Amino acid sequence: MNLEARTASAMIRMHCRARHGAAGGLCAECSVLLAYAEERIAHCPFGAGKPVCNQCSVHCYKPEMRERIQTAMRFSGPRMIWRHPVLAVRHLLRSKRAPGR
């Protein structure tokens, strides 16, 4: 699993645990979201040089799924520094990098 997928997984899991009370795993709704996000990341046309999704010129998420992932990321983003500091810092650095680099 690449770094982008690990970050998305951590954020979705944090969101699900807090919002849906899924302590042992993911609820059905969040499982679908995670599978969809992993598929989109795996099939990204930019490959290894992929920018963070909010800076990407190609939006490959369906509008409904995009809204759901944004909700999870808005919730989890500020909390990532405490739960997953390495992933959070790496994501922050990637978001500051110019797209395509």
PDB file of N, CA and C in Angstrom:
ATOM      1  N   MET A   1       0.858  -1.180   0.000  1.00  0.00           N
ATOM      2  CA  MET A   1       0.000   0.000   0.000  1.00  0.00           C
ATOM      3  C   MET A   1       0.898   1.234   0.000  1.00  0.00           C
ATOM      4  N   ASN A   2       0.634   2.162  -0.917  1.00  0.00           N
ATOM      5  CA  ASN A   2       1.478   3.353  -0.989  1.00  0.00           C
ATOM      6  C   ASN A   2       1.102   4.371   0.086  1.00  0.00           C
ATOM      7  N   LEU A   3       1.883   5.417   0.162  1.00  0.00           N
ATOM      8  CA  LEU A   3       1.727   6.414   1.216  1.00  0.00           C
ATOM      9  C   LEU A   3       0.368   7.112   1.158  1.00  0.00           C
ATOM     10  N   GLU A   4      -0.079   7.444  -0.042  1.00  0.00           N
ATOM     11  CA  GLU A   4      -1.366   8.115  -0.203  1.00  0.00           C
ATOM     12  C   GLU A   4      -2.506   7.220   0.283  1.00  0.00           C
ATOM     13  N   ALA A   5      -2.452   5.940  -0.041  1.00  0.00           N
ATOM     14  CA  ALA A   5      -3.480   4.997   0.384  1.00  0.00           C
ATOM     15  C   ALA A   5      -3.437   4.787   1.900  1.00  0.00           C
ATOM     16  N   ARG A   6      -2.243   4.719   2.471  1.00  0.00           N
ATOM     17  CA  ARG A   6      -2.120   4.567   3.929  1.00  0.00           C
ATOM     18  C   ARG A   6      -2.701   5.778   4.653  1.00  0.00           C
ATOM     19  N   THR A   7      -2.457   6.960   4.110  1.00  0.00           N
ATOM     20  CA  THR A   7      -2.985   8.184   4.720  1.00  0.00           C
ATOM     21  C   THR A   7      -4.504   8.208   4.637  1.00  0.00           C
ATOM     22  N   ALA A   8      -5.056   7.888   3.470  1.00  0.00           N
ATOM     23  CA  ALA A   8      -6.512   7.859   3.305  1.00  0.00           C
ATOM     24  C   ALA A   8      -7.134   6.832   4.244  1.00  0.00           C
ATOM     25  N   SER A   9      -6.512   5.665   4.358  1.00  0.00           N
ATOM     26  CA  SER A   9      -7.018   4.620   5.237  1.00  0.00           C
ATOM     27  C   SER A   9      -7.034   5.091   6.694  1.00  0.00           C
ATOM     28  N   ALA A  10      -5.967   5.705   7.128  1.00  0.00           N
ATOM     29  CA  ALA A  10      -5.896   6.196   8.511  1.00  0.00           C
ATOM     30  C   ALA A  10      -6.967   7.248   8.769  1.00  0.00           C
ATOM     31  N   MET A  11      -7.169   8.146   7.823  1.00  0.00           N
ATOM     32  CA  MET A  11      -8.164   9.206   7.996  1.00  0.00           C
ATOM     33  C   MET A  11      -9.579   8.636   8.029  1.00  0.00           C
ATOM     34  N   ILE A  12      -9.877   7.707   7.140  1.00  0.00           N
ATOM     35  CA  ILE A  12     -11.216   7.114   7.108  1.00  0.00           C
ATOM     36  C   ILE A  12     -11.460   6.322   8.382  1.00  0.00           C
ATOM     37  N   ARG A  13     -10.471   5.594   8.853  1.00  0.00           N
ATOM     38  CA  ARG A  13     -10.622   4.818  10.083  1.00  0.00           C
ATOM     39  C   ARG A  13     -10.848   5.725  11.301  1.00  0.00           C
ATOM     40  N   MET A  14     -10.129   6.837  11.377  1.00  0.00           N
ATOM     41  CA  MET A  14     -10.325   7.780  12.483  1.00  0.00           C
ATOM     42  C   MET A  14     -11.738   8.360  12.444  1.00  0.00           C
ATOM     43  N   HIS A  15     -12.177   8.742  11.255  1.00  0.00           N
ATOM     44  CA  HIS A  15     -13.507   9.313  11.078  1.00  0.00           C
ATOM     45  C   HIS A  15     -14.583   8.307  11.476  1.00  0.00           C
ATOM     46  N   CYS A  16     -14.451   7.066  11.013  1.00  0.00           N
ATOM     47  CA  CYS A  16     -15.439   6.037  11.301  1.00  0.00           C
ATOM     48  C   CYS A  16     -15.508   5.737  12.798  1.00  0.00           C
ATOM     49  N   ARG A  17     -14.348   5.617  13.423  1.00  0.00           N
ATOM     50  CA  ARG A  17     -14.305   5.319  14.856  1.00  0.00           C
ATOM     51  C   ARG A  17     -15.020   6.412  15.651  1.00  0.00           C
ATOM     52  N   ALA A  18     -14.787   7.673  15.289  1.00  0.00           N
ATOM     53  CA  ALA A  18     -15.369   8.790  16.035  1.00  0.00           C
ATOM     54  C   ALA A  18     -16.840   9.034  15.697  1.00  0.00           C
ATOM     55  N   ARG A  19     -17.188   8.941  14.433  1.00  0.00           N
ATOM     56  CA  ARG A  19     -18.542   9.291  13.997  1.00  0.00           C
ATOM     57  C   ARG A  19     -19.524   8.125  14.016  1.00  0.00           C
ATOM     58  N   HIS A  20     -19.034   6.924  13.752  1.00  0.00           N
ATOM     59  CA  HIS A  20     -19.935   5.777  13.632  1.00  0.00           C
ATOM     60  C   HIS A  20     -19.734   4.758  14.739  1.00  0.00           C
ATOM     61  N   GLY A  21     -18.777   4.974  15.611  1.00  0.00           N
ATOM     62  CA  GLY A  21     -18.553   4.105  16.751  1.00  0.00           C
ATOM     63  C   GLY A  21     -18.019   2.729  16.403  1.00  0.00           C
ATOM     64  N   ALA A  22     -17.373   2.600  15.264  1.00  0.00           N
ATOM     65  CA  ALA A  22     -16.834   1.305  14.838  1.00  0.00           C
ATOM     66  C   ALA A  22     -15.456   1.120  15.469  1.00  0.00           C
ATOM     67  N   ALA A  23     -15.411   0.513  16.620  1.00  0.00           N
ATOM     68  CA  ALA A  23     -14.157   0.371  17.355  1.00  0.00           C
ATOM     69  C   ALA A  23     -13.250  -0.707  16.771  1.00  0.00           C
ATOM     70  N   GLY A  24     -13.804  -1.831  16.383  1.00  0.00           N
ATOM     71  CA  GLY A  24     -12.992  -2.949  15.919  1.00  0.00           C
ATOM     72  C   GLY A  24     -12.603  -2.873  14.460  1.00  0.00           C
ATOM     73  N   GLY A  25     -13.317  -2.120  13.674  1.00  0.00           N
ATOM     74  CA  GLY A  25     -13.047  -2.046  12.244  1.00  0.00           C
ATOM     75  C   GLY A  25     -13.795  -0.878  11.647  1.00  0.00           C
ATOM     76  N   LEU A  26     -14.327  -1.097  10.455  1.00  0.00           N
ATOM     77  CA  LEU A  26     -15.065  -0.048   9.769  1.00  0.00           C
ATOM     78  C   LEU A  26     -16.527  -0.445   9.622  1.00  0.00           C
ATOM     79  N   CYS A  27     -17.410   0.541   9.652  1.00  0.00           N
ATOM     80  CA  CYS A  27     -18.808   0.271   9.356  1.00  0.00           C
ATOM     81  C   CYS A  27     -18.914  -0.017   7.849  1.00  0.00           C
ATOM     82  N   ALA A  28     -20.049  -0.487   7.411  1.00  0.00           N
ATOM     83  CA  ALA A  28     -20.234  -0.860   6.004  1.00  0.00           C
ATOM     84  C   ALA A  28     -20.031   0.341   5.077  1.00  0.00           C
ATOM     85  N   GLU A  29     -20.549   1.485   5.470  1.00  0.00           N
ATOM     86  CA  GLU A  29     -20.448   2.692   4.657  1.00  0.00           C
ATOM     87  C   GLU A  29     -18.984   3.123   4.484  1.00  0.00           C
ATOM     88  N   CYS A  30     -18.232   3.087   5.564  1.00  0.00           N
ATOM     89  CA  CYS A  30     -16.826   3.488   5.507  1.00  0.00           C
ATOM     90  C   CYS A  30     -15.963   2.439   4.807  1.00  0.00           C
ATOM     91  N   SER A  31     -16.358   1.177   4.885  1.00  0.00           N
ATOM     92  CA  SER A  31     -15.642   0.129   4.150  1.00  0.00           C
ATOM     93  C   SER A  31     -15.745   0.354   2.649  1.00  0.00           C
ATOM     94  N   VAL A  32     -16.933   0.725   2.202  1.00  0.00           N
ATOM     95  CA  VAL A  32     -17.142   1.025   0.785  1.00  0.00           C
ATOM     96  C   VAL A  32     -16.304   2.237   0.379  1.00  0.00           C
ATOM     97  N   LEU A  33     -16.296   3.262   1.209  1.00  0.00           N
ATOM     98  CA  LEU A  33     -15.514   4.460   0.923  1.00  0.00           C
ATOM     99  C   LEU A  33     -14.020   4.145   0.845  1.00  0.00           C
ATOM    100  N   LEU A  34     -13.517   3.349   1.772  1.00  0.00           N
ATOM    101  CA  LEU A  34     -12.102   2.997   1.769  1.00  0.00           C
ATOM    102  C   LEU A  34     -11.739   2.182   0.531  1.00  0.00           C
ATOM    103  N   ALA A  35     -12.564   1.219   0.183  1.00  0.00           N
ATOM    104  CA  ALA A  35     -12.297   0.408  -1.013  1.00  0.00           C
ATOM    105  C   ALA A  35     -12.296   1.279  -2.259  1.00  0.00           C
ATOM    106  N   TYR A  36     -13.223   2.218  -2.332  1.00  0.00           N
ATOM    107  CA  TYR A  36     -13.305   3.115  -3.476  1.00  0.00           C
ATOM    108  C   TYR A  36     -12.070   4.022  -3.550  1.00  0.00           C
ATOM    109  N   ALA A  37     -11.674   4.565  -2.405  1.00  0.00           N
ATOM    110  CA  ALA A  37     -10.499   5.444  -2.364  1.00  0.00           C
ATOM    111  C   ALA A  37      -9.236   4.685  -2.765  1.00  0.00           C
ATOM    112  N   GLU A  38      -9.076   3.466  -2.264  1.00  0.00           N
ATOM    113  CA  GLU A  38      -7.896   2.667  -2.621  1.00  0.00           C
ATOM    114  C   GLU A  38      -7.867   2.348  -4.114  1.00  0.00           C
ATOM    115  N   GLU A  39      -9.041   2.060  -4.687  1.00  0.00           N
ATOM    116  CA  GLU A  39      -9.114   1.781  -6.127  1.00  0.00           C
ATOM    117  C   GLU A  39      -8.739   3.016  -6.939  1.00  0.00           C
ATOM    118  N   ARG A  40      -9.262   4.162  -6.549  1.00  0.00           N
ATOM    119  CA  ARG A  40      -8.970   5.410  -7.275  1.00  0.00           C
ATOM    120  C   ARG A  40      -7.486   5.752  -7.179  1.00  0.00           C
ATOM    121  N   ILE A  41      -6.899   5.575  -6.009  1.00  0.00           N
ATOM    122  CA  ILE A  41      -5.477   5.868  -5.818  1.00  0.00           C
ATOM    123  C   ILE A  41      -4.630   4.909  -6.641  1.00  0.00           C
ATOM    124  N   ALA A  42      -5.010   3.641  -6.657  1.00  0.00           N
ATOM    125  CA  ALA A  42      -4.245   2.638  -7.411  1.00  0.00           C
ATOM    126  C   ALA A  42      -4.289   2.888  -8.916  1.00  0.00           C
ATOM    127  N   HIS A  43      -5.376   3.460  -9.405  1.00  0.00           N
ATOM    128  CA  HIS A  43      -5.525   3.698 -10.837  1.00  0.00           C
ATOM    129  C   HIS A  43      -5.288   5.159 -11.220  1.00  0.00           C
ATOM    130  N   CYS A  44      -4.616   5.903 -10.380  1.00  0.00           N
ATOM    131  CA  CYS A  44      -4.337   7.318 -10.661  1.00  0.00           C
ATOM    132  C   CYS A  44      -3.452   7.435 -11.898  1.00  0.00           C
ATOM    133  N   PRO A  45      -3.817   8.292 -12.842  1.00  0.00           N
ATOM    134  CA  PRO A  45      -3.010   8.443 -14.057  1.00  0.00           C
ATOM    135  C   PRO A  45      -1.629   9.042 -13.803  1.00  0.00           C
ATOM    136  N   PHE A  46      -1.412   9.650 -12.655  1.00  0.00           N
ATOM    137  CA  PHE A  46      -0.130  10.269 -12.353  1.00  0.00           C
ATOM    138  C   PHE A  46       0.858   9.305 -11.705  1.00  0.00           C
ATOM    139  N   GLY A  47       0.372   8.143 -11.272  1.00  0.00           N
ATOM    140  CA  GLY A  47       1.249   7.119 -10.693  1.00  0.00           C
ATOM    141  C   GLY A  47       1.974   7.602  -9.454  1.00  0.00           C
ATOM    142  N   ALA A  48       3.275   7.347  -9.398  1.00  0.00           N
ATOM    143  CA  ALA A  48       4.077   7.689  -8.223  1.00  0.00           C
ATOM    144  C   ALA A  48       4.217   9.201  -8.034  1.00  0.00           C
ATOM    145  N   GLY A  49       4.106   9.985  -9.103  1.00  0.00           N
ATOM    146  CA  GLY A  49       4.217  11.437  -9.004  1.00  0.00           C
ATOM    147  C   GLY A  49       2.905  12.107  -8.669  1.00  0.00           C
ATOM    148  N   LYS A  50       1.993  11.351  -8.097  1.00  0.00           N
ATOM    149  CA  LYS A  50       0.652  11.834  -7.791  1.00  0.00           C
ATOM    150  C   LYS A  50       0.664  12.973  -6.784  1.00  0.00           C
ATOM    151  N   PRO A  51      -0.022  14.077  -7.106  1.00  0.00           N
ATOM    152  CA  PRO A  51      -0.183  15.140  -6.109  1.00  0.00           C
ATOM    153  C   PRO A  51      -1.262  14.744  -5.102  1.00  0.00           C
ATOM    154  N   VAL A  52      -1.388  15.480  -4.024  1.00  0.00           N
ATOM    155  CA  VAL A  52      -2.498  15.218  -3.111  1.00  0.00           C
ATOM    156  C   VAL A  52      -3.787  15.532  -3.866  1.00  0.00           C
ATOM    157  N   CYS A  53      -4.848  14.834  -3.523  1.00  0.00           N
ATOM    158  CA  CYS A  53      -6.074  14.884  -4.320  1.00  0.00           C
ATOM    159  C   CYS A  53      -6.669  16.291  -4.468  1.00  0.00           C
ATOM    160  N   ASN A  54      -6.606  17.107  -3.423  1.00  0.00           N
ATOM    161  CA  ASN A  54      -7.219  18.430  -3.529  1.00  0.00           C
ATOM    162  C   ASN A  54      -6.438  19.376  -4.442  1.00  0.00           C
ATOM    163  N   GLN A  55      -5.227  19.006  -4.852  1.00  0.00           N
ATOM    164  CA  GLN A  55      -4.445  19.828  -5.776  1.00  0.00           C
ATOM    165  C   GLN A  55      -4.363  19.205  -7.166  1.00  0.00           C
ATOM    166  N   CYS A  56      -5.025  18.095  -7.357  1.00  0.00           N
ATOM    167  CA  CYS A  56      -4.932  17.357  -8.611  1.00  0.00           C
ATOM    168  C   CYS A  56      -5.779  18.029  -9.691  1.00  0.00           C
ATOM    169  N   SER A  57      -5.290  17.995 -10.925  1.00  0.00           N
ATOM    170  CA  SER A  57      -6.032  18.575 -12.042  1.00  0.00           C
ATOM    171  C   SER A  57      -7.093  17.611 -12.570  1.00  0.00           C
ATOM    172  N   VAL A  58      -6.983  16.326 -12.232  1.00  0.00           N
ATOM    173  CA  VAL A  58      -7.941  15.307 -12.652  1.00  0.00           C
ATOM    174  C   VAL A  58      -8.663  14.802 -11.420  1.00  0.00           C
ATOM    175  N   HIS A  59      -9.963  15.037 -11.345  1.00  0.00           N
ATOM    176  CA  HIS A  59     -10.730  14.566 -10.195  1.00  0.00           C
ATOM    177  C   HIS A  59     -11.408  13.263 -10.573  1.00  0.00           C
ATOM    178  N   CYS A  60     -10.894  12.171 -10.041  1.00  0.00           N
ATOM    179  CA  CYS A  60     -11.359  10.848 -10.448  1.00  0.00           C
ATOM    180  C   CYS A  60     -12.410  10.268  -9.502  1.00  0.00           C
ATOM    181  N   TYR A  61     -12.793  10.990  -8.458  1.00  0.00           N
ATOM    182  CA  TYR A  61     -13.844  10.533  -7.563  1.00  0.00           C
ATOM    183  C   TYR A  61     -15.204  10.986  -8.088  1.00  0.00           C
ATOM    184  N   LYS A  62     -16.220  10.141  -7.947  1.00  0.00           N
ATOM    185  CA  LYS A  62     -17.587  10.549  -8.255  1.00  0.00           C
ATOM    186  C   LYS A  62     -17.960  11.645  -7.260  1.00  0.00           C
ATOM    187  N   PRO A  63     -18.851  12.567  -7.637  1.00  0.00           N
ATOM    188  CA  PRO A  63     -19.187  13.682  -6.731  1.00  0.00           C
ATOM    189  C   PRO A  63     -19.625  13.230  -5.331  1.00  0.00           C
ATOM    190  N   GLU A  64     -20.450  12.181  -5.238  1.00  0.00           N
ATOM    191  CA  GLU A  64     -20.914  11.719  -3.925  1.00  0.00           C
ATOM    192  C   GLU A  64     -19.748  11.202  -3.087  1.00  0.00           C
ATOM    193  N   MET A  65     -18.876  10.415  -3.706  1.00  0.00           N
ATOM    194  CA  MET A  65     -17.735   9.851  -2.985  1.00  0.00           C
ATOM    195  C   MET A  65     -16.727  10.945  -2.639  1.00  0.00           C
ATOM    196  N   ARG A  66     -16.587  11.894  -3.516  1.00  0.00           N
ATOM    197  CA  ARG A  66     -15.671  13.013  -3.248  1.00  0.00           C
ATOM    198  C   ARG A  66     -16.130  13.786  -2.011  1.00  0.00           C
ATOM    199  N   GLU A  67     -17.425  14.000  -1.906  1.00  0.00           N
ATOM    200  CA  GLU A  67     -17.971  14.697  -0.736  1.00  0.00           C
ATOM    201  C   GLU A  67     -17.743  13.885   0.535  1.00  0.00           C
ATOM    202  N   ARG A  68     -17.916  12.575   0.453  1.00  0.00           N
ATOM    203  CA  ARG A  68     -17.718  11.714   1.619  1.00  0.00           C
ATOM    204  C   ARG A  68     -16.254  11.681   2.059  1.00  0.00           C
ATOM    205  N   ILE A  69     -15.328  11.606   1.109  1.00  0.00           N
ATOM    206  CA  ILE A  69     -13.909  11.575   1.477  1.00  0.00           C
ATOM    207  C   ILE A  69     -13.481  12.934   2.026  1.00  0.00           C
ATOM    208  N   GLN A  70     -14.032  14.016   1.485  1.00  0.00           N
ATOM    209  CA  GLN A  70     -13.708  15.337   2.006  1.00  0.00           C
ATOM    210  C   GLN A  70     -14.197  15.494   3.445  1.00  0.00           C
ATOM    211  N   THR A  71     -15.376  14.959   3.729  1.00  0.00           N
ATOM    212  CA  THR A  71     -15.909  15.021   5.096  1.00  0.00           C
ATOM    213  C   THR A  71     -14.994  14.274   6.060  1.00  0.00           C
ATOM    214  N   ALA A  72     -14.579  13.086   5.660  1.00  0.00           N
ATOM    215  CA  ALA A  72     -13.686  12.292   6.514  1.00  0.00           C
ATOM    216  C   ALA A  72     -12.350  12.996   6.708  1.00  0.00           C
ATOM    217  N   MET A  73     -11.823  13.595   5.657  1.00  0.00           N
ATOM    218  CA  MET A  73     -10.522  14.259   5.749  1.00  0.00           C
ATOM    219  C   MET A  73     -10.597  15.555   6.542  1.00  0.00           C
ATOM    220  N   ARG A  74     -11.699  16.279   6.420  1.00  0.00           N
ATOM    221  CA  ARG A  74     -11.859  17.493   7.221  1.00  0.00           C
ATOM    222  C   ARG A  74     -11.891  17.162   8.710  1.00  0.00           C
ATOM    223  N   PHE A  75     -12.547  16.075   9.046  1.00  0.00           N
ATOM    224  CA  PHE A  75     -12.606  15.662  10.447  1.00  0.00           C
ATOM    225  C   PHE A  75     -11.239  15.174  10.925  1.00  0.00           C
ATOM    226  N   SER A  76     -10.615  14.298  10.136  1.00  0.00           N
ATOM    227  CA  SER A  76      -9.396  13.621  10.572  1.00  0.00           C
ATOM    228  C   SER A  76      -8.134  14.457  10.435  1.00  0.00           C
ATOM    229  N   GLY A  77      -8.100  15.350   9.479  1.00  0.00           N
ATOM    230  CA  GLY A  77      -6.895  16.129   9.199  1.00  0.00           C
ATOM    231  C   GLY A  77      -6.264  16.761  10.431  1.00  0.00           C
ATOM    232  N   PRO A  78      -7.013  17.557  11.191  1.00  0.00           N
ATOM    233  CA  PRO A  78      -6.428  18.194  12.373  1.00  0.00           C
ATOM    234  C   PRO A  78      -6.004  17.193  13.459  1.00  0.00           C
ATOM    235  N   ARG A  79      -6.607  16.024  13.475  1.00  0.00           N
ATOM    236  CA  ARG A  79      -6.305  15.024  14.503  1.00  0.00           C
ATOM    237  C   ARG A  79      -5.155  14.104  14.107  1.00  0.00           C
ATOM    238  N   MET A  80      -4.779  14.129  12.845  1.00  0.00           N
ATOM    239  CA  MET A  80      -3.735  13.236  12.347  1.00  0.00           C
ATOM    240  C   MET A  80      -2.391  13.467  13.035  1.00  0.00           C
ATOM    241  N   ILE A  81      -2.086  14.694  13.374  1.00  0.00           N
ATOM    242  CA  ILE A  81      -0.785  14.999  13.971  1.00  0.00           C
ATOM    243  C   ILE A  81      -0.606  14.265  15.303  1.00  0.00           C
ATOM    244  N   TRP A  82      -1.702  13.981  16.000  1.00  0.00           N
ATOM    245  CA  TRP A  82      -1.624  13.286  17.287  1.00  0.00           C
ATOM    246  C   TRP A  82      -1.673  11.773  17.131  1.00  0.00           C
ATOM    247  N   ARG A  83      -2.465  11.290  16.182  1.00  0.00           N
ATOM    248  CA  ARG A  83      -2.640   9.839  16.027  1.00  0.00           C
ATOM    249  C   ARG A  83      -1.624   9.211  15.074  1.00  0.00           C
ATOM    250  N   HIS A  84      -1.280   9.926  14.008  1.00  0.00           N
ATOM    251  CA  HIS A  84      -0.360   9.416  12.979  1.00  0.00           C
ATOM    252  C   HIS A  84       0.577  10.553  12.541  1.00  0.00           C
ATOM    253  N   PRO A  85       1.497  10.959  13.419  1.00  0.00           N
ATOM    254  CA  PRO A  85       2.316  12.138  13.131  1.00  0.00           C
ATOM    255  C   PRO A  85       3.177  12.015  11.866  1.00  0.00           C
ATOM    256  N   VAL A  86       3.729  10.850  11.591  1.00  0.00           N
ATOM    257  CA  VAL A  86       4.586  10.697  10.413  1.00  0.00           C
ATOM    258  C   VAL A  86       3.760  10.849   9.135  1.00  0.00           C
ATOM    259  N   LEU A  87       2.612  10.179   9.089  1.00  0.00           N
ATOM    260  CA  LEU A  87       1.736  10.308   7.916  1.00  0.00           C
ATOM    261  C   LEU A  87       1.267  11.753   7.749  1.00  0.00           C
ATOM    262  N   ALA A  88       0.947  12.410   8.855  1.00  0.00           N
ATOM    263  CA  ALA A  88       0.459  13.789   8.791  1.00  0.00           C
ATOM    264  C   ALA A  88       1.518  14.727   8.227  1.00  0.00           C
ATOM    265  N   VAL A  89       2.743  14.607   8.712  1.00  0.00           N
ATOM    266  CA  VAL A  89       3.817  15.489   8.240  1.00  0.00           C
ATOM    267  C   VAL A  89       4.122  15.215   6.766  1.00  0.00           C
ATOM    268  N   ARG A  90       4.166  13.944   6.392  1.00  0.00           N
ATOM    269  CA  ARG A  90       4.422  13.616   4.986  1.00  0.00           C
ATOM    270  C   ARG A  90       3.322  14.155   4.078  1.00  0.00           C
ATOM    271  N   HIS A  91       2.071  14.041   4.524  1.00  0.00           N
ATOM    272  CA  HIS A  91       0.957  14.567   3.731  1.00  0.00           C
ATOM    273  C   HIS A  91       1.055  16.087   3.609  1.00  0.00           C
ATOM    274  N   LEU A  92       1.402  16.734   4.708  1.00  0.00           N
ATOM    275  CA  LEU A  92       1.550  18.192   4.691  1.00  0.00           C
ATOM    276  C   LEU A  92       2.660  18.610   3.730  1.00  0.00           C
ATOM    277  N   LEU A  93       3.771  17.911   3.754  1.00  0.00           N
ATOM    278  CA  LEU A  93       4.875  18.231   2.843  1.00  0.00           C
ATOM    279  C   LEU A  93       4.476  18.009   1.385  1.00  0.00           C
ATOM    280  N   ARG A  94       3.755  16.919   1.116  1.00  0.00           N
ATOM    281  CA  ARG A  94       3.299  16.662  -0.257  1.00  0.00           C
ATOM    282  C   ARG A  94       2.313  17.719  -0.716  1.00  0.00           C
ATOM    283  N   SER A  95       1.499  18.233   0.197  1.00  0.00           N
ATOM    284  CA  SER A  95       0.508  19.240  -0.181  1.00  0.00           C
ATOM    285  C   SER A  95       1.162  20.588  -0.481  1.00  0.00           C
ATOM    286  N   LYS A  96       2.340  20.822   0.070  1.00  0.00           N
ATOM    287  CA  LYS A  96       3.061  22.082  -0.183  1.00  0.00           C
ATOM    288  C   LYS A  96       3.913  22.017  -1.438  1.00  0.00           C
ATOM    289  N   ARG A  97       4.158  20.799  -1.927  1.00  0.00           N
ATOM    290  CA  ARG A  97       4.971  20.600  -3.122  1.00  0.00           C
ATOM    291  C   ARG A  97       4.158  20.998  -4.351  1.00  0.00           C
ATOM    292  N   ALA A  98       4.834  21.531  -5.349  1.00  0.00           N
ATOM    293  CA  ALA A  98       4.166  21.923  -6.586  1.00  0.00           C
ATOM    294  C   ALA A  98       3.623  20.679  -7.280  1.00  0.00           C
ATOM    295  N   PRO A  99       2.425  20.746  -7.853  1.00  0.00           N
ATOM    296  CA  PRO A  99       1.842  19.599  -8.547  1.00  0.00           C
ATOM    297  C   PRO A  99       2.754  19.124  -9.678  1.00  0.00           C
ATOM    298  N   GLY A 100       2.830  17.804  -9.834  1.00  0.00           N
ATOM    299  CA  GLY A 100       3.641  17.222 -10.906  1.00  0.00           C
ATOM    300  C   GLY A 100       5.083  16.967 -10.530  1.00  0.00           C
ATOM    301  N   ARG A 101       5.484  17.254  -9.309  1.00  0.00           N
ATOM    302  CA  ARG A 101       6.864  17.041  -8.869  1.00  0.00           C
ATOM    303  C   ARG A 101       6.958  15.874  -7.956  1.00  0.00           C
TER     304      ARG A 101
END
